[in-house]
């Protein structure tokens, strides 16, 4: 099992819009690719950034069976979806992405 993990630091001024957009538009678009089995959207309760930086940190995890499914997503879908995300939120949401595997 592979986990495509996105950490997102969301500024307060876009938080409500971001949550709505993620739940109702972006995550459904990712899942419609058919390359992920499931997903989770979580908020960090013990945020290491604390009060130093405005906003809240969220984790979005997408689960895939194979590296090929992840690679297909990155090649055929991620660029356009990530651009839509960047166009909508600019520097109001900072993200970093990792890929993990069950051991």
C-alpha atoms as a PDB file:
ATOM      1  CA  UNK A   1       0.000   0.000   0.000  1.00  0.00           C
ATOM      2  CA  UNK A   2       1.293   3.437  -0.958  1.00  0.00           C
ATOM      3  CA  UNK A   3       0.247   6.685   0.686  1.00  0.00           C
ATOM      4  CA  UNK A   4       0.541   9.931  -1.243  1.00  0.00           C
ATOM      5  CA  UNK A   5       0.702  12.475   1.583  1.00  0.00           C
ATOM      6  CA  UNK A   6       0.122  16.195   1.163  1.00  0.00           C
ATOM      7  CA  UNK A   7       0.717  18.561   4.066  1.00  0.00           C
ATOM      8  CA  UNK A   8      -0.971  21.938   3.666  1.00  0.00           C
ATOM      9  CA  UNK A   9      -0.526  25.048   5.798  1.00  0.00           C
ATOM     10  CA  UNK A  10      -3.744  27.019   5.268  1.00  0.00           C
ATOM     11  CA  UNK A  11      -3.985  30.694   6.243  1.00  0.00           C
ATOM     12  CA  UNK A  12      -7.048  31.649   8.270  1.00  0.00           C
ATOM     13  CA  UNK A  13      -8.400  34.062   5.650  1.00  0.00           C
ATOM     14  CA  UNK A  14      -8.947  31.225   3.137  1.00  0.00           C
ATOM     15  CA  UNK A  15      -9.637  28.393   5.584  1.00  0.00           C
ATOM     16  CA  UNK A  16     -13.415  28.143   5.139  1.00  0.00           C
ATOM     17  CA  UNK A  17     -13.198  28.340   1.338  1.00  0.00           C
ATOM     18  CA  UNK A  18     -10.286  25.883   1.242  1.00  0.00           C
ATOM     19  CA  UNK A  19     -12.115  23.265   3.327  1.00  0.00           C
ATOM     20  CA  UNK A  20     -15.225  23.541   1.163  1.00  0.00           C
ATOM     21  CA  UNK A  21     -13.197  23.382  -2.051  1.00  0.00           C
ATOM     22  CA  UNK A  22     -11.127  20.421  -0.882  1.00  0.00           C
ATOM     23  CA  UNK A  23     -14.133  18.371   0.269  1.00  0.00           C
ATOM     24  CA  UNK A  24     -16.457  19.179  -2.614  1.00  0.00           C
ATOM     25  CA  UNK A  25     -14.238  19.811  -5.626  1.00  0.00           C
ATOM     26  CA  UNK A  26     -10.537  18.959  -5.399  1.00  0.00           C
ATOM     27  CA  UNK A  27     -10.594  15.640  -3.540  1.00  0.00           C
ATOM     28  CA  UNK A  28     -13.497  14.339  -5.659  1.00  0.00           C
ATOM     29  CA  UNK A  29     -11.532  15.271  -8.811  1.00  0.00           C
ATOM     30  CA  UNK A  30      -8.491  13.341  -7.549  1.00  0.00           C
ATOM     31  CA  UNK A  31     -10.629  10.320  -6.657  1.00  0.00           C
ATOM     32  CA  UNK A  32     -12.392  10.430 -10.049  1.00  0.00           C
ATOM     33  CA  UNK A  33      -9.064   9.566 -11.693  1.00  0.00           C
ATOM     34  CA  UNK A  34      -9.658   6.018 -10.433  1.00  0.00           C
ATOM     35  CA  UNK A  35      -6.030   5.708  -9.354  1.00  0.00           C
ATOM     36  CA  UNK A  36      -6.568   5.902  -5.591  1.00  0.00           C
ATOM     37  CA  UNK A  37      -8.582   3.536  -3.405  1.00  0.00           C
ATOM     38  CA  UNK A  38      -9.453   5.962  -0.625  1.00  0.00           C
ATOM     39  CA  UNK A  39      -8.371   9.175   1.073  1.00  0.00           C
ATOM     40  CA  UNK A  40      -8.278  10.913   4.439  1.00  0.00           C
ATOM     41  CA  UNK A  41      -8.394  14.617   5.285  1.00  0.00           C
ATOM     42  CA  UNK A  42      -7.069  15.467   8.755  1.00  0.00           C
ATOM     43  CA  UNK A  43      -5.998  18.491  10.783  1.00  0.00           C
ATOM     44  CA  UNK A  44      -2.893  18.474  12.974  1.00  0.00           C
ATOM     45  CA  UNK A  45      -3.859  19.015  16.591  1.00  0.00           C
ATOM     46  CA  UNK A  46      -0.309  19.376  17.871  1.00  0.00           C
ATOM     47  CA  UNK A  47       0.868  21.631  15.066  1.00  0.00           C
ATOM     48  CA  UNK A  48       4.660  22.047  15.318  1.00  0.00           C
ATOM     49  CA  UNK A  49       4.426  25.465  13.641  1.00  0.00           C
ATOM     50  CA  UNK A  50       2.295  26.672  16.534  1.00  0.00           C
ATOM     51  CA  UNK A  51       1.657  30.394  16.614  1.00  0.00           C
ATOM     52  CA  UNK A  52       4.812  31.287  14.663  1.00  0.00           C
ATOM     53  CA  UNK A  53       2.955  31.073  11.357  1.00  0.00           C
ATOM     54  CA  UNK A  54      -0.682  31.985  10.754  1.00  0.00           C
ATOM     55  CA  UNK A  55      -3.153  29.250   9.897  1.00  0.00           C
ATOM     56  CA  UNK A  56      -3.648  25.546  10.418  1.00  0.00           C
ATOM     57  CA  UNK A  57      -1.906  22.472   9.054  1.00  0.00           C
ATOM     58  CA  UNK A  58      -3.914  19.779   7.305  1.00  0.00           C
ATOM     59  CA  UNK A  59      -2.888  16.382   5.986  1.00  0.00           C
ATOM     60  CA  UNK A  60      -4.495  14.835   2.919  1.00  0.00           C
ATOM     61  CA  UNK A  61      -3.634  11.201   2.250  1.00  0.00           C
ATOM     62  CA  UNK A  62      -4.505   9.242  -0.885  1.00  0.00           C
ATOM     63  CA  UNK A  63      -4.073   5.454  -0.878  1.00  0.00           C
ATOM     64  CA  UNK A  64      -2.923   3.460  -3.908  1.00  0.00           C
ATOM     65  CA  UNK A  65      -2.101  -0.204  -4.432  1.00  0.00           C
ATOM     66  CA  UNK A  66       0.849   0.243  -6.770  1.00  0.00           C
ATOM     67  CA  UNK A  67       3.617   2.634  -7.680  1.00  0.00           C
ATOM     68  CA  UNK A  68       2.333   2.519 -11.267  1.00  0.00           C
ATOM     69  CA  UNK A  69      -1.005   4.026 -10.146  1.00  0.00           C
ATOM     70  CA  UNK A  70       0.834   6.843  -8.358  1.00  0.00           C
ATOM     71  CA  UNK A  71       3.086   7.400 -11.387  1.00  0.00           C
ATOM     72  CA  UNK A  72       0.061   7.552 -13.703  1.00  0.00           C
ATOM     73  CA  UNK A  73      -1.524  10.137 -11.428  1.00  0.00           C
ATOM     74  CA  UNK A  74       1.655  12.253 -11.365  1.00  0.00           C
ATOM     75  CA  UNK A  75       2.081  12.066 -15.135  1.00  0.00           C
ATOM     76  CA  UNK A  76      -1.501  12.431 -16.341  1.00  0.00           C
ATOM     77  CA  UNK A  77      -3.429  14.321 -13.661  1.00  0.00           C
ATOM     78  CA  UNK A  78      -1.304  16.033 -11.002  1.00  0.00           C
ATOM     79  CA  UNK A  79       0.063  18.930 -13.081  1.00  0.00           C
ATOM     80  CA  UNK A  80      -3.372  20.280 -14.045  1.00  0.00           C
ATOM     81  CA  UNK A  81      -4.933  19.691 -10.616  1.00  0.00           C
ATOM     82  CA  UNK A  82      -1.986  21.295  -8.820  1.00  0.00           C
ATOM     83  CA  UNK A  83      -2.141  24.292 -11.149  1.00  0.00           C
ATOM     84  CA  UNK A  84      -5.833  24.800 -10.375  1.00  0.00           C
ATOM     85  CA  UNK A  85      -4.928  24.665  -6.678  1.00  0.00           C
ATOM     86  CA  UNK A  86      -2.113  27.196  -7.108  1.00  0.00           C
ATOM     87  CA  UNK A  87      -4.279  29.519  -9.203  1.00  0.00           C
ATOM     88  CA  UNK A  88      -6.983  29.511  -6.548  1.00  0.00           C
ATOM     89  CA  UNK A  89      -4.871  29.890  -3.385  1.00  0.00           C
ATOM     90  CA  UNK A  90      -1.444  31.171  -4.432  1.00  0.00           C
ATOM     91  CA  UNK A  91       0.747  31.616  -1.365  1.00  0.00           C
ATOM     92  CA  UNK A  92      -2.214  31.426   1.073  1.00  0.00           C
ATOM     93  CA  UNK A  93      -1.777  27.641   1.214  1.00  0.00           C
ATOM     94  CA  UNK A  94       1.713  26.176   1.354  1.00  0.00           C
ATOM     95  CA  UNK A  95       2.070  22.477   0.568  1.00  0.00           C
ATOM     96  CA  UNK A  96       4.644  19.757   0.479  1.00  0.00           C
ATOM     97  CA  UNK A  97       4.167  16.264  -0.837  1.00  0.00           C
ATOM     98  CA  UNK A  98       5.640  12.923   0.183  1.00  0.00           C
ATOM     99  CA  UNK A  99       5.170   9.310  -0.864  1.00  0.00           C
ATOM    100  CA  UNK A 100       5.139   6.596   1.780  1.00  0.00           C
ATOM    101  CA  UNK A 101       4.854   2.818   1.724  1.00  0.00           C
ATOM    102  CA  UNK A 102       3.604   0.343   4.301  1.00  0.00           C
ATOM    103  CA  UNK A 103       6.378  -1.770   5.821  1.00  0.00           C
END
